Amino acid sequence: MSSEHHFEPSPAQVAEMQDALFSLRDGLMRLKMSLLELAEMTDEGGQRAAAAETQALLQRLRA
Protein backbone atom coordinates (compact mmCIF):
# COMPACT_ATOMS: atom_id res chain seq x y z
CA MET A 1 0.00 0.00 0.00
CA SER A 2 1.51 3.30 -1.00
CA SER A 3 0.82 6.54 0.73
CA GLU A 4 0.93 9.77 -1.23
CA HIS A 5 1.90 12.97 0.46
CA HIS A 6 0.32 16.11 -0.90
CA PHE A 7 1.93 19.33 0.21
CA GLU A 8 -0.16 22.48 0.00
CA PRO A 9 1.98 25.52 0.79
CA SER A 10 0.47 28.34 2.77
CA PRO A 11 0.11 31.76 1.15
CA ALA A 12 3.05 32.97 3.26
CA GLN A 13 5.21 30.08 2.00
CA VAL A 14 4.23 30.81 -1.59
CA ALA A 15 5.13 34.47 -1.14
CA GLU A 16 8.46 33.50 0.43
CA MET A 17 9.24 31.15 -2.47
CA GLN A 18 8.30 33.84 -4.99
CA ASP A 19 10.54 36.37 -3.22
CA ALA A 20 13.41 33.86 -3.25
CA LEU A 21 12.91 33.18 -6.96
CA PHE A 22 12.78 36.87 -7.81
CA SER A 23 15.93 37.43 -5.76
CA LEU A 24 17.63 34.57 -7.60
CA ARG A 25 16.54 35.98 -10.95
CA ASP A 26 17.86 39.43 -10.04
CA GLY A 27 21.17 37.96 -8.93
CA LEU A 28 21.47 35.96 -12.14
CA MET A 29 20.74 39.01 -14.24
CA ARG A 30 23.48 40.92 -12.36
CA LEU A 31 25.81 37.97 -12.99
CA LYS A 32 24.88 38.01 -16.66
CA MET A 33 25.67 41.70 -16.93
CA SER A 34 28.98 41.21 -15.11
CA LEU A 35 29.91 38.35 -17.43
CA LEU A 36 29.02 40.42 -20.47
CA GLU A 37 31.07 43.36 -19.18
CA LEU A 38 34.00 41.04 -18.51
CA ALA A 39 33.63 39.53 -21.96
CA GLU A 40 33.80 42.99 -23.53
CA MET A 41 37.15 43.59 -21.81
CA THR A 42 38.68 40.35 -23.10
CA ASP A 43 39.23 38.79 -26.49
CA GLU A 44 36.42 37.93 -28.88
CA GLY A 45 36.67 34.21 -28.13
CA GLY A 46 36.14 34.91 -24.45
CA GLN A 47 33.21 37.14 -25.26
CA ARG A 48 31.54 34.42 -27.33
CA ALA A 49 32.19 31.81 -24.63
CA ALA A 50 30.74 34.03 -21.88
CA ALA A 51 27.68 34.84 -23.99
CA ALA A 52 27.16 31.14 -24.76
CA GLU A 53 27.50 30.17 -21.08
CA THR A 54 25.08 32.92 -20.08
CA GLN A 55 22.52 31.75 -22.62
CA ALA A 56 22.94 28.12 -21.54
CA LEU A 57 22.43 29.10 -17.89
CA LEU A 58 19.31 31.09 -18.67
CA GLN A 59 17.94 28.22 -20.80
CA ARG A 60 18.40 25.77 -17.92
CA LEU A 61 16.68 28.14 -15.51
CA ARG A 62 13.73 28.62 -17.82
CA ALA A 63 13.26 24.87 -18.25
PDB file of N, CA and C in Angstrom:
ATOM      1  N   MET A   1       0.846  -1.168   0.000  1.00  0.00           N
ATOM      2  CA  MET A   1       0.000   0.000   0.000  1.00  0.00           C
ATOM      3  C   MET A   1       0.894   1.234   0.000  1.00  0.00           C
ATOM      4  N   SER A   2       0.675   2.105  -0.930  1.00  0.00           N
ATOM      5  CA  SER A   2       1.512   3.305  -1.002  1.00  0.00           C
ATOM      6  C   SER A   2       0.736   4.498  -0.463  1.00  0.00           C
ATOM      7  N   SER A   3       1.461   5.326   0.217  1.00  0.00           N
ATOM      8  CA  SER A   3       0.817   6.539   0.731  1.00  0.00           C
ATOM      9  C   SER A   3       1.390   7.728  -0.017  1.00  0.00           C
ATOM     10  N   GLU A   4       0.520   8.565  -0.509  1.00  0.00           N
ATOM     11  CA  GLU A   4       0.935   9.767  -1.233  1.00  0.00           C
ATOM     12  C   GLU A   4       0.842  10.955  -0.301  1.00  0.00           C
ATOM     13  N   HIS A   5       1.888  11.756  -0.337  1.00  0.00           N
ATOM     14  CA  HIS A   5       1.898  12.973   0.463  1.00  0.00           C
ATOM     15  C   HIS A   5       1.635  14.153  -0.458  1.00  0.00           C
ATOM     16  N   HIS A   6       0.641  14.920  -0.121  1.00  0.00           N
ATOM     17  CA  HIS A   6       0.318  16.112  -0.899  1.00  0.00           C
ATOM     18  C   HIS A   6       0.627  17.329  -0.040  1.00  0.00           C
ATOM     19  N   PHE A   7       1.526  18.149  -0.527  1.00  0.00           N
ATOM     20  CA  PHE A   7       1.934  19.334   0.213  1.00  0.00           C
ATOM     21  C   PHE A   7       1.243  20.552  -0.385  1.00  0.00           C
ATOM     22  N   GLU A   8       0.523  21.251   0.423  1.00  0.00           N
ATOM     23  CA  GLU A   8      -0.163  22.478   0.001  1.00  0.00           C
ATOM     24  C   GLU A   8       0.471  23.636   0.764  1.00  0.00           C
ATOM     25  N   PRO A   9       1.311  24.421   0.080  1.00  0.00           N
ATOM     26  CA  PRO A   9       1.977  25.518   0.793  1.00  0.00           C
ATOM     27  C   PRO A   9       0.986  26.601   1.204  1.00  0.00           C
ATOM     28  N   SER A  10       1.306  27.232   2.294  1.00  0.00           N
ATOM     29  CA  SER A  10       0.474  28.341   2.767  1.00  0.00           C
ATOM     30  C   SER A  10       0.758  29.561   1.903  1.00  0.00           C
ATOM     31  N   PRO A  11      -0.144  30.537   1.906  1.00  0.00           N
ATOM     32  CA  PRO A  11       0.110  31.762   1.148  1.00  0.00           C
ATOM     33  C   PRO A  11       1.432  32.435   1.548  1.00  0.00           C
ATOM     34  N   ALA A  12       1.785  32.377   2.815  1.00  0.00           N
ATOM     35  CA  ALA A  12       3.053  32.966   3.260  1.00  0.00           C
ATOM     36  C   ALA A  12       4.237  32.205   2.667  1.00  0.00           C
ATOM     37  N   GLN A  13       4.130  30.876   2.587  1.00  0.00           N
ATOM     38  CA  GLN A  13       5.209  30.080   2.001  1.00  0.00           C
ATOM     39  C   GLN A  13       5.338  30.352   0.509  1.00  0.00           C
ATOM     40  N   VAL A  14       4.217  30.499  -0.161  1.00  0.00           N
ATOM     41  CA  VAL A  14       4.235  30.811  -1.588  1.00  0.00           C
ATOM     42  C   VAL A  14       4.900  32.169  -1.806  1.00  0.00           C
ATOM     43  N   ALA A  15       4.533  33.141  -1.016  1.00  0.00           N
ATOM     44  CA  ALA A  15       5.128  34.471  -1.135  1.00  0.00           C
ATOM     45  C   ALA A  15       6.628  34.419  -0.873  1.00  0.00           C
ATOM     46  N   GLU A  16       7.037  33.631   0.111  1.00  0.00           N
ATOM     47  CA  GLU A  16       8.462  33.500   0.427  1.00  0.00           C
ATOM     48  C   GLU A  16       9.213  32.845  -0.729  1.00  0.00           C
ATOM     49  N   MET A  17       8.607  31.811  -1.328  1.00  0.00           N
ATOM     50  CA  MET A  17       9.238  31.154  -2.475  1.00  0.00           C
ATOM     51  C   MET A  17       9.335  32.109  -3.660  1.00  0.00           C
ATOM     52  N   GLN A  18       8.278  32.886  -3.886  1.00  0.00           N
ATOM     53  CA  GLN A  18       8.301  33.842  -4.988  1.00  0.00           C
ATOM     54  C   GLN A  18       9.389  34.890  -4.754  1.00  0.00           C
ATOM     55  N   ASP A  19       9.495  35.390  -3.544  1.00  0.00           N
ATOM     56  CA  ASP A  19      10.537  36.366  -3.224  1.00  0.00           C
ATOM     57  C   ASP A  19      11.923  35.776  -3.460  1.00  0.00           C
ATOM     58  N   ALA A  20      12.112  34.518  -3.055  1.00  0.00           N
ATOM     59  CA  ALA A  20      13.409  33.859  -3.251  1.00  0.00           C
ATOM     60  C   ALA A  20      13.715  33.701  -4.736  1.00  0.00           C
ATOM     61  N   LEU A  21      12.701  33.337  -5.520  1.00  0.00           N
ATOM     62  CA  LEU A  21      12.910  33.178  -6.957  1.00  0.00           C
ATOM     63  C   LEU A  21      13.204  34.507  -7.637  1.00  0.00           C
ATOM     64  N   PHE A  22      12.501  35.558  -7.240  1.00  0.00           N
ATOM     65  CA  PHE A  22      12.777  36.873  -7.810  1.00  0.00           C
ATOM     66  C   PHE A  22      14.178  37.345  -7.434  1.00  0.00           C
ATOM     67  N   SER A  23      14.586  37.071  -6.210  1.00  0.00           N
ATOM     68  CA  SER A  23      15.927  37.430  -5.764  1.00  0.00           C
ATOM     69  C   SER A  23      16.975  36.666  -6.566  1.00  0.00           C
ATOM     70  N   LEU A  24      16.732  35.390  -6.789  1.00  0.00           N
ATOM     71  CA  LEU A  24      17.635  34.573  -7.598  1.00  0.00           C
ATOM     72  C   LEU A  24      17.715  35.115  -9.017  1.00  0.00           C
ATOM     73  N   ARG A  25      16.566  35.438  -9.579  1.00  0.00           N
ATOM     74  CA  ARG A  25      16.540  35.984 -10.949  1.00  0.00           C
ATOM     75  C   ARG A  25      17.332  37.281 -11.026  1.00  0.00           C
ATOM     76  N   ASP A  26      17.133  38.172 -10.049  1.00  0.00           N
ATOM     77  CA  ASP A  26      17.864  39.435 -10.039  1.00  0.00           C
ATOM     78  C   ASP A  26      19.364  39.211  -9.928  1.00  0.00           C
ATOM     79  N   GLY A  27      19.756  38.273  -9.082  1.00  0.00           N
ATOM     80  CA  GLY A  27      21.167  37.960  -8.929  1.00  0.00           C
ATOM     81  C   GLY A  27      21.762  37.388 -10.208  1.00  0.00           C
ATOM     82  N   LEU A  28      20.996  36.529 -10.882  1.00  0.00           N
ATOM     83  CA  LEU A  28      21.473  35.959 -12.140  1.00  0.00           C
ATOM     84  C   LEU A  28      21.576  37.005 -13.234  1.00  0.00           C
ATOM     85  N   MET A  29      20.659  37.937 -13.248  1.00  0.00           N
ATOM     86  CA  MET A  29      20.740  39.014 -14.239  1.00  0.00           C
ATOM     87  C   MET A  29      21.963  39.898 -13.972  1.00  0.00           C
ATOM     88  N   ARG A  30      22.267  40.157 -12.691  1.00  0.00           N
ATOM     89  CA  ARG A  30      23.481  40.920 -12.365  1.00  0.00           C
ATOM     90  C   ARG A  30      24.722  40.136 -12.789  1.00  0.00           C
ATOM     91  N   LEU A  31      24.704  38.819 -12.566  1.00  0.00           N
ATOM     92  CA  LEU A  31      25.813  37.973 -12.988  1.00  0.00           C
ATOM     93  C   LEU A  31      25.958  38.016 -14.505  1.00  0.00           C
ATOM     94  N   LYS A  32      24.851  37.943 -15.198  1.00  0.00           N
ATOM     95  CA  LYS A  32      24.877  38.005 -16.661  1.00  0.00           C
ATOM     96  C   LYS A  32      25.519  39.306 -17.123  1.00  0.00           C
ATOM     97  N   MET A  33      25.109  40.407 -16.535  1.00  0.00           N
ATOM     98  CA  MET A  33      25.668  41.703 -16.931  1.00  0.00           C
ATOM     99  C   MET A  33      27.161  41.762 -16.608  1.00  0.00           C
ATOM    100  N   SER A  34      27.557  41.224 -15.472  1.00  0.00           N
ATOM    101  CA  SER A  34      28.976  41.206 -15.114  1.00  0.00           C
ATOM    102  C   SER A  34      29.771  40.358 -16.095  1.00  0.00           C
ATOM    103  N   LEU A  35      29.220  39.210 -16.459  1.00  0.00           N
ATOM    104  CA  LEU A  35      29.906  38.351 -17.425  1.00  0.00           C
ATOM    105  C   LEU A  35      30.021  39.029 -18.786  1.00  0.00           C
ATOM    106  N   LEU A  36      28.968  39.724 -19.185  1.00  0.00           N
ATOM    107  CA  LEU A  36      29.021  40.422 -20.467  1.00  0.00           C
ATOM    108  C   LEU A  36      30.027  41.565 -20.429  1.00  0.00           C
ATOM    109  N   GLU A  37      30.085  42.295 -19.308  1.00  0.00           N
ATOM    110  CA  GLU A  37      31.069  43.363 -19.177  1.00  0.00           C
ATOM    111  C   GLU A  37      32.485  42.799 -19.206  1.00  0.00           C
ATOM    112  N   LEU A  38      32.691  41.693 -18.513  1.00  0.00           N
ATOM    113  CA  LEU A  38      34.000  41.043 -18.507  1.00  0.00           C
ATOM    114  C   LEU A  38      34.358  40.576 -19.909  1.00  0.00           C
ATOM    115  N   ALA A  39      33.388  40.021 -20.604  1.00  0.00           N
ATOM    116  CA  ALA A  39      33.635  39.531 -21.956  1.00  0.00           C
ATOM    117  C   ALA A  39      34.030  40.671 -22.886  1.00  0.00           C
ATOM    118  N   GLU A  40      33.461  41.847 -22.686  1.00  0.00           N
ATOM    119  CA  GLU A  40      33.803  42.991 -23.533  1.00  0.00           C
ATOM    120  C   GLU A  40      35.252  43.421 -23.324  1.00  0.00           C
ATOM    121  N   MET A  41      35.789  43.180 -22.118  1.00  0.00           N
ATOM    122  CA  MET A  41      37.150  43.594 -21.811  1.00  0.00           C
ATOM    123  C   MET A  41      38.182  42.576 -22.277  1.00  0.00           C
ATOM    124  N   THR A  42      37.754  41.398 -22.703  1.00  0.00           N
ATOM    125  CA  THR A  42      38.678  40.350 -23.101  1.00  0.00           C
ATOM    126  C   THR A  42      38.586  40.124 -24.602  1.00  0.00           C
ATOM    127  N   ASP A  43      39.225  39.078 -25.056  1.00  0.00           N
ATOM    128  CA  ASP A  43      39.230  38.787 -26.491  1.00  0.00           C
ATOM    129  C   ASP A  43      37.856  38.350 -26.982  1.00  0.00           C
ATOM    130  N   GLU A  44      37.710  38.289 -28.283  1.00  0.00           N
ATOM    131  CA  GLU A  44      36.419  37.933 -28.880  1.00  0.00           C
ATOM    132  C   GLU A  44      36.017  36.501 -28.548  1.00  0.00           C
ATOM    133  N   GLY A  45      36.978  35.601 -28.477  1.00  0.00           N
ATOM    134  CA  GLY A  45      36.670  34.207 -28.127  1.00  0.00           C
ATOM    135  C   GLY A  45      36.086  34.121 -26.737  1.00  0.00           C
ATOM    136  N   GLY A  46      36.665  34.866 -25.808  1.00  0.00           N
ATOM    137  CA  GLY A  46      36.140  34.907 -24.447  1.00  0.00           C
ATOM    138  C   GLY A  46      34.754  35.499 -24.398  1.00  0.00           C
ATOM    139  N   GLN A  47      34.527  36.508 -25.204  1.00  0.00           N
ATOM    140  CA  GLN A  47      33.207  37.144 -25.260  1.00  0.00           C
ATOM    141  C   GLN A  47      32.165  36.152 -25.755  1.00  0.00           C
ATOM    142  N   ARG A  48      32.495  35.415 -26.794  1.00  0.00           N
ATOM    143  CA  ARG A  48      31.542  34.421 -27.328  1.00  0.00           C
ATOM    144  C   ARG A  48      31.290  33.316 -26.303  1.00  0.00           C
ATOM    145  N   ALA A  49      32.342  32.876 -25.621  1.00  0.00           N
ATOM    146  CA  ALA A  49      32.188  31.813 -24.626  1.00  0.00           C
ATOM    147  C   ALA A  49      31.317  32.278 -23.467  1.00  0.00           C
ATOM    148  N   ALA A  50      31.543  33.503 -22.983  1.00  0.00           N
ATOM    149  CA  ALA A  50      30.736  34.028 -21.878  1.00  0.00           C
ATOM    150  C   ALA A  50      29.279  34.190 -22.299  1.00  0.00           C
ATOM    151  N   ALA A  51      29.055  34.678 -23.502  1.00  0.00           N
ATOM    152  CA  ALA A  51      27.684  34.838 -23.990  1.00  0.00           C
ATOM    153  C   ALA A  51      26.997  33.477 -24.113  1.00  0.00           C
ATOM    154  N   ALA A  52      27.732  32.478 -24.608  1.00  0.00           N
ATOM    155  CA  ALA A  52      27.161  31.139 -24.755  1.00  0.00           C
ATOM    156  C   ALA A  52      26.840  30.538 -23.395  1.00  0.00           C
ATOM    157  N   GLU A  53      27.743  30.691 -22.426  1.00  0.00           N
ATOM    158  CA  GLU A  53      27.500  30.171 -21.081  1.00  0.00           C
ATOM    159  C   GLU A  53      26.309  30.869 -20.435  1.00  0.00           C
ATOM    160  N   THR A  54      26.210  32.161 -20.635  1.00  0.00           N
ATOM    161  CA  THR A  54      25.083  32.918 -20.079  1.00  0.00           C
ATOM    162  C   THR A  54      23.771  32.421 -20.669  1.00  0.00           C
ATOM    163  N   GLN A  55      23.738  32.238 -21.971  1.00  0.00           N
ATOM    164  CA  GLN A  55      22.524  31.755 -22.624  1.00  0.00           C
ATOM    165  C   GLN A  55      22.178  30.341 -22.152  1.00  0.00           C
ATOM    166  N   ALA A  56      23.183  29.483 -21.999  1.00  0.00           N
ATOM    167  CA  ALA A  56      22.939  28.124 -21.536  1.00  0.00           C
ATOM    168  C   ALA A  56      22.373  28.134 -20.117  1.00  0.00           C
ATOM    169  N   LEU A  57      22.926  28.990 -19.254  1.00  0.00           N
ATOM    170  CA  LEU A  57      22.435  29.103 -17.890  1.00  0.00           C
ATOM    171  C   LEU A  57      20.990  29.574 -17.867  1.00  0.00           C
ATOM    172  N   LEU A  58      20.679  30.581 -18.643  1.00  0.00           N
ATOM    173  CA  LEU A  58      19.310  31.091 -18.675  1.00  0.00           C
ATOM    174  C   LEU A  58      18.352  30.051 -19.245  1.00  0.00           C
ATOM    175  N   GLN A  59      18.784  29.285 -20.235  1.00  0.00           N
ATOM    176  CA  GLN A  59      17.939  28.223 -20.804  1.00  0.00           C
ATOM    177  C   GLN A  59      17.616  27.179 -19.741  1.00  0.00           C
ATOM    178  N   ARG A  60      18.635  26.777 -18.955  1.00  0.00           N
ATOM    179  CA  ARG A  60      18.404  25.769 -17.919  1.00  0.00           C
ATOM    180  C   ARG A  60      17.449  26.300 -16.857  1.00  0.00           C
ATOM    181  N   LEU A  61      17.553  27.567 -16.544  1.00  0.00           N
ATOM    182  CA  LEU A  61      16.684  28.138 -15.507  1.00  0.00           C
ATOM    183  C   LEU A  61      15.244  28.277 -15.990  1.00  0.00           C
ATOM    184  N   ARG A  62      15.072  28.482 -17.274  1.00  0.00           N
ATOM    185  CA  ARG A  62      13.730  28.620 -17.816  1.00  0.00           C
ATOM    186  C   ARG A  62      13.037  27.275 -17.972  1.00  0.00           C
ATOM    187  N   ALA A  63      13.824  26.213 -18.038  1.00  0.00           N
ATOM    188  CA  ALA A  63      13.256  24.868 -18.249  1.00  0.00           C
ATOM    189  C   ALA A  63      12.560  24.357 -17.014  1.00  0.00           C
TER     190      ALA A  63
END
